[in-house]
Amino acid sequence: MIIKICGMRDAQNIHDVSKLGIDWIGLDFRSKSERYVSQISSCAGIIPDYGSLSDLAAVTSKPLLCGIFKNDMPQNIVTRVYNFNLDVVELDGEESMVMIDNLRHTLDPDIHAGIKIMKRLVITTSEDIEKYKEYEAGIDFFLFDFHDVQVDWKVLETYKGKVPFLISGNIGPEDIEHVKNFTHPLFYGISVNEKFESAVAIKDTTLIEDFINKLK
């Protein structure tokens, strides 16, 4: 199961979380977000320089980097994929399939061969799940987001598509058993954020480590 830690920005915090065995790190490029990643520093940077940090020897594999965008200009997405070496592009807005298809062909293979695209769908009822049909032919993952509400695990069981999905929406340490007990053939992982923060965009490594250990 993929564990995505979203809303990260601080280089040292990214460095520390990366050593915990998480799979994806989410960088928020939505300009109105309080976790917005606005620049790359010339030294340690927003993304830590793994090669120069000797105490990262224990990291056996680097997390994939997922950039989050919402109704952004394609050229801005392309620039950030290149600058941050993103592995996954998450689209949170009203992006059309024409835009998504053009974006993929612009990125792959010239900018980032094999780039993955994930489409976020806000879910409140089982009817919202049906929106997947609009995007299924052109994306690699869905993010089913129960934005500002408790995850309804039974609603997720109604998904009949063929694209793997991640789940997000106020998932915290108290949801361990729900996550462990949820079964769906295309359930790929979870995305967590605020409930693991000690401050805005700063993740509590102790909470994350304990969460991961309990999921195993």
C-alpha atoms as a PDB file:
ATOM      1  CA  MET A   1       0.000   0.000   0.000  1.00  0.00           C
ATOM      2  CA  ILE A   2       1.285   3.436  -0.999  1.00  0.00           C
ATOM      3  CA  ILE A   3       1.595   6.056   1.744  1.00  0.00           C
ATOM      4  CA  LYS A   4       1.699   9.612   0.387  1.00  0.00           C
ATOM      5  CA  ILE A   5       2.663  12.407   2.773  1.00  0.00           C
ATOM      6  CA  CYS A   6       1.204  15.552   1.250  1.00  0.00           C
ATOM      7  CA  GLY A   7       1.717  19.266   1.842  1.00  0.00           C
ATOM      8  CA  MET A   8       5.463  19.167   2.474  1.00  0.00           C
ATOM      9  CA  ARG A   9       7.804  22.105   1.894  1.00  0.00           C
ATOM     10  CA  ASP A  10      10.692  22.237   4.358  1.00  0.00           C
ATOM     11  CA  ALA A  11      13.858  20.547   3.054  1.00  0.00           C
ATOM     12  CA  GLN A  12      14.991  19.077   6.380  1.00  0.00           C
ATOM     13  CA  ASN A  13      11.494  17.835   7.172  1.00  0.00           C
ATOM     14  CA  ILE A  14      11.293  16.183   3.746  1.00  0.00           C
ATOM     15  CA  HIS A  15      14.690  14.644   4.407  1.00  0.00           C
ATOM     16  CA  ASP A  16      13.586  13.262   7.797  1.00  0.00           C
ATOM     17  CA  VAL A  17      10.235  11.921   6.577  1.00  0.00           C
ATOM     18  CA  SER A  18      11.938  10.254   3.608  1.00  0.00           C
ATOM     19  CA  LYS A  19      13.876   8.026   5.993  1.00  0.00           C
ATOM     20  CA  LEU A  20      10.671   6.549   7.429  1.00  0.00           C
ATOM     21  CA  GLY A  21       9.849   4.370   4.443  1.00  0.00           C
ATOM     22  CA  ILE A  22       7.033   6.439   2.950  1.00  0.00           C
ATOM     23  CA  ASP A  23       6.358   6.073  -0.767  1.00  0.00           C
ATOM     24  CA  TRP A  24       5.292   9.470  -2.140  1.00  0.00           C
ATOM     25  CA  ILE A  25       5.862  13.057  -1.061  1.00  0.00           C
ATOM     26  CA  GLY A  26       3.320  15.659  -2.129  1.00  0.00           C
ATOM     27  CA  LEU A  27       4.481  19.166  -3.053  1.00  0.00           C
ATOM     28  CA  ASP A  28       1.670  21.697  -3.247  1.00  0.00           C
ATOM     29  CA  PHE A  29       1.873  24.081  -6.205  1.00  0.00           C
ATOM     30  CA  ARG A  30      -1.615  25.544  -5.763  1.00  0.00           C
ATOM     31  CA  SER A  31      -0.882  29.244  -5.344  1.00  0.00           C
ATOM     32  CA  LYS A  32      -3.619  29.871  -2.764  1.00  0.00           C
ATOM     33  CA  SER A  33      -2.576  27.003  -0.502  1.00  0.00           C
ATOM     34  CA  GLU A  34      -0.867  27.779   2.802  1.00  0.00           C
ATOM     35  CA  ARG A  35       1.488  24.887   1.993  1.00  0.00           C
ATOM     36  CA  TYR A  36       2.429  26.360  -1.365  1.00  0.00           C
ATOM     37  CA  VAL A  37       5.943  25.529  -2.574  1.00  0.00           C
ATOM     38  CA  SER A  38       7.166  28.783  -4.073  1.00  0.00           C
ATOM     39  CA  GLN A  39      10.844  28.344  -4.845  1.00  0.00           C
ATOM     40  CA  ILE A  40      13.910  26.163  -4.967  1.00  0.00           C
ATOM     41  CA  SER A  41      16.820  27.257  -2.792  1.00  0.00           C
ATOM     42  CA  SER A  42      20.295  26.943  -4.286  1.00  0.00           C
ATOM     43  CA  CYS A  43      21.736  24.709  -1.538  1.00  0.00           C
ATOM     44  CA  ALA A  44      19.678  22.137   0.378  1.00  0.00           C
ATOM     45  CA  GLY A  45      16.639  23.320  -1.509  1.00  0.00           C
ATOM     46  CA  ILE A  46      13.001  22.552  -1.179  1.00  0.00           C
ATOM     47  CA  ILE A  47      14.007  19.055  -2.207  1.00  0.00           C
ATOM     48  CA  PRO A  48      16.973  17.837  -0.116  1.00  0.00           C
ATOM     49  CA  ASP A  49      20.191  16.866  -1.838  1.00  0.00           C
ATOM     50  CA  TYR A  50      20.220  13.190  -0.903  1.00  0.00           C
ATOM     51  CA  GLY A  51      23.647  12.601  -2.358  1.00  0.00           C
ATOM     52  CA  SER A  52      25.328  15.118  -0.054  1.00  0.00           C
ATOM     53  CA  LEU A  53      23.617  14.037   3.154  1.00  0.00           C
ATOM     54  CA  SER A  54      25.588  11.142   4.572  1.00  0.00           C
ATOM     55  CA  ASP A  55      23.071  10.291   7.282  1.00  0.00           C
ATOM     56  CA  LEU A  56      20.609   9.252   4.580  1.00  0.00           C
ATOM     57  CA  ALA A  57      22.562   6.054   4.044  1.00  0.00           C
ATOM     58  CA  ALA A  58      19.695   4.207   5.721  1.00  0.00           C
ATOM     59  CA  VAL A  59      17.296   5.293   2.980  1.00  0.00           C
ATOM     60  CA  THR A  60      17.045   2.335   0.651  1.00  0.00           C
ATOM     61  CA  SER A  61      14.786   4.051  -1.870  1.00  0.00           C
ATOM     62  CA  LYS A  62      13.723   7.640  -2.418  1.00  0.00           C
ATOM     63  CA  PRO A  63      10.035   8.534  -2.307  1.00  0.00           C
ATOM     64  CA  LEU A  64       8.390   9.547  -5.553  1.00  0.00           C
ATOM     65  CA  LEU A  65       7.621  13.252  -5.814  1.00  0.00           C
ATOM     66  CA  CYS A  66       4.044  14.219  -6.563  1.00  0.00           C
ATOM     67  CA  GLY A  67       3.221  17.779  -7.604  1.00  0.00           C
ATOM     68  CA  ILE A  68      -0.288  19.062  -6.835  1.00  0.00           C
ATOM     69  CA  PHE A  69      -1.866  21.528  -9.271  1.00  0.00           C
ATOM     70  CA  LYS A  70      -5.307  23.055  -9.680  1.00  0.00           C
ATOM     71  CA  ASN A  71      -6.524  24.606 -12.940  1.00  0.00           C
ATOM     72  CA  ASP A  72      -2.962  25.667 -13.683  1.00  0.00           C
ATOM     73  CA  MET A  73      -1.474  26.642 -17.027  1.00  0.00           C
ATOM     74  CA  PRO A  74       0.153  23.631 -18.709  1.00  0.00           C
ATOM     75  CA  GLN A  75       3.437  25.521 -19.115  1.00  0.00           C
ATOM     76  CA  ASN A  76       3.586  26.081 -15.338  1.00  0.00           C
ATOM     77  CA  ILE A  77       3.086  22.367 -14.721  1.00  0.00           C
ATOM     78  CA  VAL A  78       5.764  21.478 -17.263  1.00  0.00           C
ATOM     79  CA  THR A  79       8.223  23.921 -15.662  1.00  0.00           C
ATOM     80  CA  ARG A  80       7.713  22.467 -12.208  1.00  0.00           C
ATOM     81  CA  VAL A  81       7.946  18.874 -13.421  1.00  0.00           C
ATOM     82  CA  TYR A  82      11.319  19.796 -14.904  1.00  0.00           C
ATOM     83  CA  ASN A  83      12.617  21.913 -11.999  1.00  0.00           C
ATOM     84  CA  PHE A  84      11.513  19.529  -9.233  1.00  0.00           C
ATOM     85  CA  ASN A  85      11.936  16.278 -11.192  1.00  0.00           C
ATOM     86  CA  LEU A  86       8.378  15.275 -10.362  1.00  0.00           C
ATOM     87  CA  ASP A  87       7.329  11.655 -10.859  1.00  0.00           C
ATOM     88  CA  VAL A  88       3.567  12.201 -10.522  1.00  0.00           C
ATOM     89  CA  VAL A  89       1.301  15.118 -11.474  1.00  0.00           C
ATOM     90  CA  GLU A  90      -1.862  15.417  -9.394  1.00  0.00           C
ATOM     91  CA  LEU A  91      -4.639  17.515 -10.940  1.00  0.00           C
ATOM     92  CA  ASP A  92      -7.148  18.894  -8.434  1.00  0.00           C
ATOM     93  CA  GLY A  93      -9.269  21.200 -10.591  1.00  0.00           C
ATOM     94  CA  GLU A  94     -11.608  21.064 -13.564  1.00  0.00           C
ATOM     95  CA  GLU A  95      -9.002  19.892 -16.029  1.00  0.00           C
ATOM     96  CA  SER A  96     -10.424  18.447 -19.258  1.00  0.00           C
ATOM     97  CA  MET A  97      -9.308  15.232 -20.860  1.00  0.00           C
ATOM     98  CA  VAL A  98      -8.023  17.234 -23.832  1.00  0.00           C
ATOM     99  CA  MET A  99      -5.769  19.207 -21.492  1.00  0.00           C
ATOM    100  CA  ILE A 100      -4.639  16.063 -19.682  1.00  0.00           C
ATOM    101  CA  ASP A 101      -3.826  14.282 -22.931  1.00  0.00           C
ATOM    102  CA  ASN A 102      -1.866  17.260 -24.253  1.00  0.00           C
ATOM    103  CA  LEU A 103      -0.008  17.565 -20.947  1.00  0.00           C
ATOM    104  CA  ARG A 104       1.034  13.925 -20.997  1.00  0.00           C
ATOM    105  CA  HIS A 105       2.306  14.148 -24.568  1.00  0.00           C
ATOM    106  CA  THR A 106       4.266  17.281 -23.700  1.00  0.00           C
ATOM    107  CA  LEU A 107       5.880  15.681 -20.649  1.00  0.00           C
ATOM    108  CA  ASP A 108       6.432  12.121 -21.845  1.00  0.00           C
ATOM    109  CA  PRO A 109       9.050  11.320 -23.020  1.00  0.00           C
ATOM    110  CA  ASP A 110      10.845  14.636 -23.575  1.00  0.00           C
ATOM    111  CA  ILE A 111      10.541  16.141 -20.076  1.00  0.00           C
ATOM    112  CA  HIS A 112       9.969  13.083 -17.881  1.00  0.00           C
ATOM    113  CA  ALA A 113       9.606   9.673 -19.473  1.00  0.00           C
ATOM    114  CA  GLY A 114       6.927   7.583 -17.790  1.00  0.00           C
ATOM    115  CA  ILE A 115       5.376  10.482 -15.868  1.00  0.00           C
ATOM    116  CA  LYS A 116       2.190   9.465 -14.051  1.00  0.00           C
ATOM    117  CA  ILE A 117      -0.975  11.553 -13.865  1.00  0.00           C
ATOM    118  CA  MET A 118      -3.465  11.367 -10.999  1.00  0.00           C
ATOM    119  CA  LYS A 119      -6.893  13.029 -11.043  1.00  0.00           C
ATOM    120  CA  ARG A 120      -8.472  14.119  -7.771  1.00  0.00           C
ATOM    121  CA  LEU A 121     -12.224  13.696  -7.382  1.00  0.00           C
ATOM    122  CA  VAL A 122     -14.004  15.159  -4.373  1.00  0.00           C
ATOM    123  CA  ILE A 123     -16.340  12.518  -2.966  1.00  0.00           C
ATOM    124  CA  THR A 124     -19.379  13.132  -0.783  1.00  0.00           C
ATOM    125  CA  THR A 125     -21.844  10.565  -2.167  1.00  0.00           C
ATOM    126  CA  SER A 126     -21.683   7.402  -4.236  1.00  0.00           C
ATOM    127  CA  GLU A 127     -22.795   9.452  -7.246  1.00  0.00           C
ATOM    128  CA  ASP A 128     -19.536  11.408  -7.099  1.00  0.00           C
ATOM    129  CA  ILE A 129     -17.599   8.196  -7.688  1.00  0.00           C
ATOM    130  CA  GLU A 130     -19.220   7.974 -11.123  1.00  0.00           C
ATOM    131  CA  LYS A 131     -17.214  11.008 -12.285  1.00  0.00           C
ATOM    132  CA  TYR A 132     -14.349   8.604 -12.849  1.00  0.00           C
ATOM    133  CA  LYS A 133     -15.851   7.643 -16.197  1.00  0.00           C
ATOM    134  CA  GLU A 134     -14.911  11.031 -17.654  1.00  0.00           C
ATOM    135  CA  TYR A 135     -11.205  10.507 -16.953  1.00  0.00           C
ATOM    136  CA  GLU A 136     -10.622   6.776 -16.838  1.00  0.00           C
ATOM    137  CA  ALA A 137      -9.200   6.480 -20.347  1.00  0.00           C
ATOM    138  CA  GLY A 138      -6.412   9.003 -19.814  1.00  0.00           C
ATOM    139  CA  ILE A 139      -5.003   8.851 -16.293  1.00  0.00           C
ATOM    140  CA  ASP A 140      -2.939   6.495 -14.156  1.00  0.00           C
ATOM    141  CA  PHE A 141      -4.517   7.006 -10.712  1.00  0.00           C
ATOM    142  CA  PHE A 142      -7.524   8.563  -9.058  1.00  0.00           C
ATOM    143  CA  LEU A 143      -7.393  10.356  -5.731  1.00  0.00           C
ATOM    144  CA  PHE A 144     -10.788  10.003  -4.073  1.00  0.00           C
ATOM    145  CA  ASP A 145     -10.828  12.906  -1.638  1.00  0.00           C
ATOM    146  CA  PHE A 146     -13.389  13.175   1.148  1.00  0.00           C
ATOM    147  CA  HIS A 147     -12.578  16.849   1.557  1.00  0.00           C
ATOM    148  CA  ASP A 148     -13.339  18.173   5.063  1.00  0.00           C
ATOM    149  CA  VAL A 149     -15.534  15.166   5.870  1.00  0.00           C
ATOM    150  CA  GLN A 150     -14.969  11.725   7.338  1.00  0.00           C
ATOM    151  CA  VAL A 151     -14.025   9.071   4.810  1.00  0.00           C
ATOM    152  CA  ASP A 152     -17.033   6.929   3.912  1.00  0.00           C
ATOM    153  CA  TRP A 153     -15.412   3.574   3.283  1.00  0.00           C
ATOM    154  CA  LYS A 154     -18.667   1.992   2.082  1.00  0.00           C
ATOM    155  CA  VAL A 155     -19.028   4.597  -0.684  1.00  0.00           C
ATOM    156  CA  LEU A 156     -15.594   3.590  -1.972  1.00  0.00           C
ATOM    157  CA  GLU A 157     -16.783   0.023  -2.400  1.00  0.00           C
ATOM    158  CA  THR A 158     -19.093   1.211  -5.201  1.00  0.00           C
ATOM    159  CA  TYR A 159     -16.185   2.125  -7.491  1.00  0.00           C
ATOM    160  CA  LYS A 160     -16.321  -0.090 -10.604  1.00  0.00           C
ATOM    161  CA  GLY A 161     -13.556   1.440 -12.695  1.00  0.00           C
ATOM    162  CA  LYS A 162     -10.279  -0.074 -13.848  1.00  0.00           C
ATOM    163  CA  VAL A 163      -7.862   2.637 -12.666  1.00  0.00           C
ATOM    164  CA  PRO A 164      -6.128   2.254  -9.256  1.00  0.00           C
ATOM    165  CA  PHE A 165      -7.052   4.815  -6.615  1.00  0.00           C
ATOM    166  CA  LEU A 166      -5.699   6.473  -3.493  1.00  0.00           C
ATOM    167  CA  ILE A 167      -7.854   7.825  -0.669  1.00  0.00           C
ATOM    168  CA  SER A 168      -7.521  11.153   1.131  1.00  0.00           C
ATOM    169  CA  GLY A 169      -9.569  13.341   3.437  1.00  0.00           C
ATOM    170  CA  ASN A 170      -8.691  13.936   7.084  1.00  0.00           C
ATOM    171  CA  ILE A 171      -7.096  10.518   7.494  1.00  0.00           C
ATOM    172  CA  GLY A 172      -5.237  10.408  10.813  1.00  0.00           C
ATOM    173  CA  PRO A 173      -3.769   8.019  13.372  1.00  0.00           C
ATOM    174  CA  GLU A 174      -7.278   7.177  14.579  1.00  0.00           C
ATOM    175  CA  ASP A 175      -8.090   5.647  11.173  1.00  0.00           C
ATOM    176  CA  ILE A 176      -5.573   2.805  11.370  1.00  0.00           C
ATOM    177  CA  GLU A 177      -8.148   0.032  11.591  1.00  0.00           C
ATOM    178  CA  HIS A 178     -10.311   1.476   8.810  1.00  0.00           C
ATOM    179  CA  VAL A 179      -7.325   1.584   6.474  1.00  0.00           C
ATOM    180  CA  LYS A 180      -6.152  -1.910   7.412  1.00  0.00           C
ATOM    181  CA  ASN A 181      -9.601  -3.436   7.036  1.00  0.00           C
ATOM    182  CA  PHE A 182     -10.578  -1.745   3.775  1.00  0.00           C
ATOM    183  CA  THR A 183     -10.387  -4.047   0.780  1.00  0.00           C
ATOM    184  CA  HIS A 184     -10.876  -3.232  -2.881  1.00  0.00           C
ATOM    185  CA  PRO A 185      -8.943  -4.762  -5.797  1.00  0.00           C
ATOM    186  CA  LEU A 186      -7.877  -1.309  -7.012  1.00  0.00           C
ATOM    187  CA  PHE A 187      -7.134   0.295  -3.639  1.00  0.00           C
ATOM    188  CA  TYR A 188      -3.584   1.582  -4.112  1.00  0.00           C
ATOM    189  CA  GLY A 189      -2.902   3.686  -1.042  1.00  0.00           C
ATOM    190  CA  ILE A 190      -3.660   6.719   1.118  1.00  0.00           C
ATOM    191  CA  SER A 191      -2.693  10.384   1.160  1.00  0.00           C
ATOM    192  CA  VAL A 192      -2.331  12.091   4.546  1.00  0.00           C
ATOM    193  CA  ASN A 193      -1.633  15.682   5.487  1.00  0.00           C
ATOM    194  CA  GLU A 194      -2.877  17.967   8.273  1.00  0.00           C
ATOM    195  CA  LYS A 195      -3.435  15.342  10.951  1.00  0.00           C
ATOM    196  CA  PHE A 196       0.274  14.549  10.952  1.00  0.00           C
ATOM    197  CA  GLU A 197       1.495  18.132  11.275  1.00  0.00           C
ATOM    198  CA  SER A 198       3.183  19.886  14.167  1.00  0.00           C
ATOM    199  CA  ALA A 199       2.920  23.173  12.225  1.00  0.00           C
ATOM    200  CA  VAL A 200       1.753  24.166   8.762  1.00  0.00           C
ATOM    201  CA  ALA A 201       3.711  22.108   6.188  1.00  0.00           C
ATOM    202  CA  ILE A 202       5.839  20.499   8.957  1.00  0.00           C
ATOM    203  CA  LYS A 203       5.133  16.824   9.534  1.00  0.00           C
ATOM    204  CA  ASP A 204       5.565  15.070  12.882  1.00  0.00           C
ATOM    205  CA  THR A 205       7.972  12.231  12.148  1.00  0.00           C
ATOM    206  CA  THR A 206       7.097  10.393  15.372  1.00  0.00           C
ATOM    207  CA  LEU A 207       3.404  10.300  14.450  1.00  0.00           C
ATOM    208  CA  ILE A 208       4.187   9.157  10.919  1.00  0.00           C
ATOM    209  CA  GLU A 209       6.584   6.449  12.046  1.00  0.00           C
ATOM    210  CA  ASP A 210       4.088   5.084  14.559  1.00  0.00           C
ATOM    211  CA  PHE A 211       1.325   5.181  11.920  1.00  0.00           C
ATOM    212  CA  ILE A 212       3.455   3.247   9.430  1.00  0.00           C
ATOM    213  CA  ASN A 213       4.453   0.632  12.015  1.00  0.00           C
ATOM    214  CA  LYS A 214       0.823   0.046  12.975  1.00  0.00           C
ATOM    215  CA  LEU A 215      -0.212  -0.357   9.337  1.00  0.00           C
ATOM    216  CA  LYS A 216       2.293  -3.172   8.811  1.00  0.00           C
END
